[in-house]
Amino acid sequence: MHYVGIDPSSNTGLVILDENMKVKLEYDISSKEEDKIKRAKKICDILINTIYHVVGNDKCEIAIEGFSYGSKGKSVDFQYGLGYLIRS
């Protein structure tokens, strides 16, 4: 069993713990892609591949940080899109 924590953002945080709650991986995922849709897809691809590489076919529980509904600024739309893409 593994435990996965994801903090979706333009610099997406990922942590993977083993069954003893020891950290197996701490990783920040980002992309320099200019297009927001391509950047979100790239981050999701890296995220999924990294999780699969560490966890393999083992069971895991995944926790994803919730949306920051009160946030303002130009990157909010990207964070919402990325959050939904990760969840899907």
N, C-alpha and C. Protein backbone atom coordinates (compact mmCIF):
# COMPACT_ATOMS: atom_id res chain seq x y z
N MET A 1 0.85 -1.18 0.00
CA MET A 1 0.00 0.00 0.00
C MET A 1 0.89 1.23 0.00
N HIS A 2 0.50 2.21 -0.79
CA HIS A 2 1.19 3.50 -0.83
C HIS A 2 0.16 4.61 -0.62
N TYR A 3 0.65 5.75 -0.21
CA TYR A 3 -0.18 6.93 0.00
C TYR A 3 0.41 8.05 -0.83
N VAL A 4 -0.44 8.69 -1.63
CA VAL A 4 0.00 9.72 -2.56
C VAL A 4 -0.70 11.02 -2.22
N GLY A 5 0.07 12.10 -2.13
CA GLY A 5 -0.48 13.43 -1.91
C GLY A 5 -0.12 14.33 -3.08
N ILE A 6 -1.12 15.06 -3.58
CA ILE A 6 -0.91 15.93 -4.74
C ILE A 6 -1.40 17.33 -4.41
N ASP A 7 -0.56 18.33 -4.70
CA ASP A 7 -0.91 19.74 -4.55
C ASP A 7 -0.89 20.36 -5.95
N PRO A 8 -2.07 20.42 -6.63
CA PRO A 8 -2.09 20.90 -8.00
C PRO A 8 -1.84 22.41 -8.08
N SER A 9 -0.88 22.78 -8.88
CA SER A 9 -0.54 24.18 -9.08
C SER A 9 0.39 24.24 -10.28
N SER A 10 0.80 25.46 -10.68
CA SER A 10 1.75 25.54 -11.79
C SER A 10 3.06 24.87 -11.42
N ASN A 11 3.32 24.74 -10.13
CA ASN A 11 4.44 23.95 -9.62
C ASN A 11 3.81 22.87 -8.75
N THR A 12 3.36 21.79 -9.36
CA THR A 12 2.57 20.75 -8.69
C THR A 12 3.45 19.92 -7.77
N GLY A 13 3.01 19.82 -6.51
CA GLY A 13 3.74 19.03 -5.53
C GLY A 13 3.22 17.61 -5.48
N LEU A 14 4.15 16.66 -5.32
CA LEU A 14 3.79 15.25 -5.24
C LEU A 14 4.61 14.62 -4.14
N VAL A 15 3.95 13.87 -3.27
CA VAL A 15 4.65 13.09 -2.26
C VAL A 15 4.06 11.68 -2.27
N ILE A 16 4.94 10.69 -2.16
CA ILE A 16 4.51 9.29 -2.10
C ILE A 16 5.12 8.66 -0.86
N LEU A 17 4.25 8.07 -0.03
CA LEU A 17 4.67 7.41 1.20
C LEU A 17 4.46 5.91 1.04
N ASP A 18 5.31 5.13 1.70
CA ASP A 18 5.10 3.69 1.70
C ASP A 18 4.13 3.31 2.82
N GLU A 19 3.91 2.01 2.99
CA GLU A 19 2.94 1.55 4.00
C GLU A 19 3.35 1.90 5.42
N ASN A 20 4.62 2.20 5.64
CA ASN A 20 5.10 2.61 6.97
C ASN A 20 5.16 4.12 7.13
N MET A 21 4.56 4.83 6.18
CA MET A 21 4.51 6.29 6.16
C MET A 21 5.89 6.93 6.00
N LYS A 22 6.81 6.19 5.40
CA LYS A 22 8.12 6.74 5.08
C LYS A 22 8.08 7.32 3.67
N VAL A 23 8.69 8.47 3.51
CA VAL A 23 8.68 9.15 2.22
C VAL A 23 9.51 8.37 1.20
N LYS A 24 8.86 7.99 0.10
CA LYS A 24 9.56 7.34 -1.00
C LYS A 24 9.94 8.36 -2.06
N LEU A 25 9.14 9.43 -2.16
CA LEU A 25 9.39 10.43 -3.18
C LEU A 25 8.76 11.76 -2.79
N GLU A 26 9.51 12.83 -2.94
CA GLU A 26 9.00 14.20 -2.86
C GLU A 26 9.43 14.87 -4.14
N TYR A 27 8.47 15.48 -4.85
CA TYR A 27 8.81 15.96 -6.18
C TYR A 27 7.94 17.15 -6.54
N ASP A 28 8.54 18.16 -7.15
CA ASP A 28 7.80 19.29 -7.72
C ASP A 28 7.78 19.12 -9.22
N ILE A 29 6.60 19.21 -9.80
CA ILE A 29 6.44 19.02 -11.24
C ILE A 29 6.03 20.34 -11.87
N SER A 30 6.74 20.73 -12.91
CA SER A 30 6.38 21.94 -13.63
C SER A 30 6.68 21.73 -15.11
N SER A 31 6.23 22.69 -15.91
CA SER A 31 6.48 22.64 -17.35
C SER A 31 6.65 24.07 -17.84
N LYS A 32 7.56 24.26 -18.74
CA LYS A 32 7.79 25.59 -19.32
C LYS A 32 6.92 25.82 -20.56
N GLU A 33 6.06 24.88 -20.85
CA GLU A 33 5.16 25.00 -22.00
C GLU A 33 4.34 26.29 -21.89
N GLU A 34 4.27 27.06 -22.96
CA GLU A 34 3.55 28.34 -22.97
C GLU A 34 2.03 28.14 -22.98
N ASP A 35 1.56 27.22 -23.81
CA ASP A 35 0.13 26.97 -23.93
C ASP A 35 -0.38 26.30 -22.65
N LYS A 36 -1.41 26.89 -22.03
CA LYS A 36 -1.90 26.39 -20.74
C LYS A 36 -2.43 24.96 -20.82
N ILE A 37 -3.12 24.64 -21.89
CA ILE A 37 -3.67 23.29 -22.02
C ILE A 37 -2.56 22.26 -22.18
N LYS A 38 -1.59 22.58 -23.01
CA LYS A 38 -0.45 21.67 -23.19
C LYS A 38 0.37 21.56 -21.90
N ARG A 39 0.50 22.67 -21.17
CA ARG A 39 1.24 22.64 -19.90
C ARG A 39 0.54 21.76 -18.88
N ALA A 40 -0.78 21.89 -18.78
CA ALA A 40 -1.54 21.06 -17.84
C ALA A 40 -1.43 19.59 -18.21
N LYS A 41 -1.54 19.29 -19.50
CA LYS A 41 -1.42 17.90 -19.94
C LYS A 41 -0.03 17.35 -19.65
N LYS A 42 1.00 18.14 -19.88
CA LYS A 42 2.38 17.70 -19.61
C LYS A 42 2.56 17.39 -18.13
N ILE A 43 2.06 18.28 -17.26
CA ILE A 43 2.16 18.06 -15.81
C ILE A 43 1.42 16.78 -15.43
N CYS A 44 0.22 16.56 -15.98
CA CYS A 44 -0.55 15.34 -15.68
C CYS A 44 0.19 14.10 -16.15
N ASP A 45 0.76 14.15 -17.34
CA ASP A 45 1.51 13.00 -17.86
C ASP A 45 2.69 12.65 -16.96
N ILE A 46 3.44 13.67 -16.55
CA ILE A 46 4.58 13.45 -15.65
C ILE A 46 4.09 12.89 -14.32
N LEU A 47 3.01 13.45 -13.80
CA LEU A 47 2.44 13.01 -12.52
C LEU A 47 2.05 11.54 -12.57
N ILE A 48 1.29 11.16 -13.58
CA ILE A 48 0.81 9.78 -13.70
C ILE A 48 1.98 8.82 -13.90
N ASN A 49 2.91 9.17 -14.77
CA ASN A 49 4.06 8.30 -15.01
C ASN A 49 4.93 8.15 -13.78
N THR A 50 5.11 9.23 -13.02
CA THR A 50 5.92 9.17 -11.81
C THR A 50 5.26 8.28 -10.76
N ILE A 51 3.97 8.46 -10.56
CA ILE A 51 3.24 7.64 -9.59
C ILE A 51 3.33 6.17 -9.98
N TYR A 52 3.09 5.87 -11.24
CA TYR A 52 3.13 4.48 -11.70
C TYR A 52 4.54 3.90 -11.53
N HIS A 53 5.56 4.70 -11.82
CA HIS A 53 6.94 4.23 -11.70
C HIS A 53 7.28 3.86 -10.26
N VAL A 54 6.79 4.65 -9.29
CA VAL A 54 7.10 4.40 -7.88
C VAL A 54 6.18 3.34 -7.28
N VAL A 55 4.90 3.42 -7.57
CA VAL A 55 3.89 2.56 -6.95
C VAL A 55 3.72 1.25 -7.72
N GLY A 56 3.87 1.28 -9.02
CA GLY A 56 3.65 0.10 -9.84
C GLY A 56 2.20 -0.34 -9.77
N ASN A 57 1.97 -1.63 -9.57
CA ASN A 57 0.61 -2.16 -9.49
C ASN A 57 0.11 -2.27 -8.06
N ASP A 58 0.88 -1.75 -7.12
CA ASP A 58 0.49 -1.77 -5.71
C ASP A 58 -0.72 -0.88 -5.49
N LYS A 59 -1.51 -1.20 -4.48
CA LYS A 59 -2.64 -0.36 -4.11
C LYS A 59 -2.12 0.97 -3.59
N CYS A 60 -2.92 2.03 -3.83
CA CYS A 60 -2.55 3.31 -3.24
C CYS A 60 -3.80 4.14 -2.98
N GLU A 61 -3.69 4.98 -1.99
CA GLU A 61 -4.73 5.97 -1.70
C GLU A 61 -4.17 7.31 -2.11
N ILE A 62 -4.99 8.08 -2.81
CA ILE A 62 -4.53 9.37 -3.33
C ILE A 62 -5.37 10.49 -2.72
N ALA A 63 -4.67 11.50 -2.19
CA ALA A 63 -5.32 12.69 -1.66
C ALA A 63 -4.87 13.88 -2.51
N ILE A 64 -5.85 14.65 -2.98
CA ILE A 64 -5.56 15.82 -3.80
C ILE A 64 -6.07 17.05 -3.07
N GLU A 65 -5.18 18.04 -2.92
CA GLU A 65 -5.59 19.27 -2.24
C GLU A 65 -6.76 19.90 -2.98
N GLY A 66 -7.70 20.44 -2.22
CA GLY A 66 -8.89 21.04 -2.80
C GLY A 66 -8.60 22.35 -3.52
N PHE A 67 -9.61 22.84 -4.21
CA PHE A 67 -9.48 24.09 -4.96
C PHE A 67 -9.44 25.29 -4.03
N SER A 68 -8.69 26.29 -4.42
CA SER A 68 -8.58 27.53 -3.67
C SER A 68 -9.61 28.52 -4.23
N TYR A 69 -10.85 28.40 -3.77
CA TYR A 69 -11.93 29.18 -4.36
C TYR A 69 -11.81 30.68 -4.15
N GLY A 70 -11.09 31.13 -3.15
CA GLY A 70 -10.96 32.56 -2.90
C GLY A 70 -9.78 33.20 -3.60
N SER A 71 -9.02 32.42 -4.34
CA SER A 71 -7.81 32.95 -4.99
C SER A 71 -8.18 33.89 -6.13
N LYS A 72 -7.26 34.83 -6.38
CA LYS A 72 -7.44 35.78 -7.48
C LYS A 72 -6.12 35.86 -8.24
N GLY A 73 -6.21 36.25 -9.48
CA GLY A 73 -5.00 36.40 -10.28
C GLY A 73 -5.11 35.68 -11.60
N LYS A 74 -4.06 35.84 -12.41
CA LYS A 74 -4.11 35.30 -13.76
C LYS A 74 -3.91 33.79 -13.84
N SER A 75 -3.40 33.17 -12.80
CA SER A 75 -3.12 31.73 -12.87
C SER A 75 -4.25 30.88 -12.27
N VAL A 76 -5.30 31.51 -11.79
CA VAL A 76 -6.39 30.76 -11.15
C VAL A 76 -7.06 29.82 -12.15
N ASP A 77 -7.30 30.29 -13.36
CA ASP A 77 -7.95 29.43 -14.35
C ASP A 77 -7.10 28.20 -14.65
N PHE A 78 -5.79 28.38 -14.70
CA PHE A 78 -4.90 27.23 -14.93
C PHE A 78 -5.00 26.24 -13.78
N GLN A 79 -5.00 26.74 -12.55
CA GLN A 79 -5.06 25.85 -11.39
C GLN A 79 -6.36 25.05 -11.36
N TYR A 80 -7.48 25.69 -11.69
CA TYR A 80 -8.75 24.97 -11.74
C TYR A 80 -8.72 23.91 -12.84
N GLY A 81 -8.25 24.29 -14.02
CA GLY A 81 -8.18 23.34 -15.14
C GLY A 81 -7.28 22.16 -14.82
N LEU A 82 -6.11 22.44 -14.25
CA LEU A 82 -5.18 21.38 -13.87
C LEU A 82 -5.80 20.47 -12.81
N GLY A 83 -6.46 21.07 -11.83
CA GLY A 83 -7.08 20.28 -10.76
C GLY A 83 -8.14 19.34 -11.30
N TYR A 84 -8.96 19.81 -12.24
CA TYR A 84 -9.98 18.95 -12.83
C TYR A 84 -9.35 17.88 -13.71
N LEU A 85 -8.31 18.25 -14.45
CA LEU A 85 -7.64 17.28 -15.32
C LEU A 85 -7.02 16.16 -14.50
N ILE A 86 -6.38 16.50 -13.40
CA ILE A 86 -5.78 15.49 -12.53
C ILE A 86 -6.86 14.56 -11.98
N ARG A 87 -7.96 15.14 -11.54
CA ARG A 87 -9.04 14.33 -10.97
C ARG A 87 -9.68 13.41 -12.00
N SER A 88 -9.72 13.86 -13.25
CA SER A 88 -10.35 13.00 -14.27
C SER A 88 -9.43 11.85 -14.64
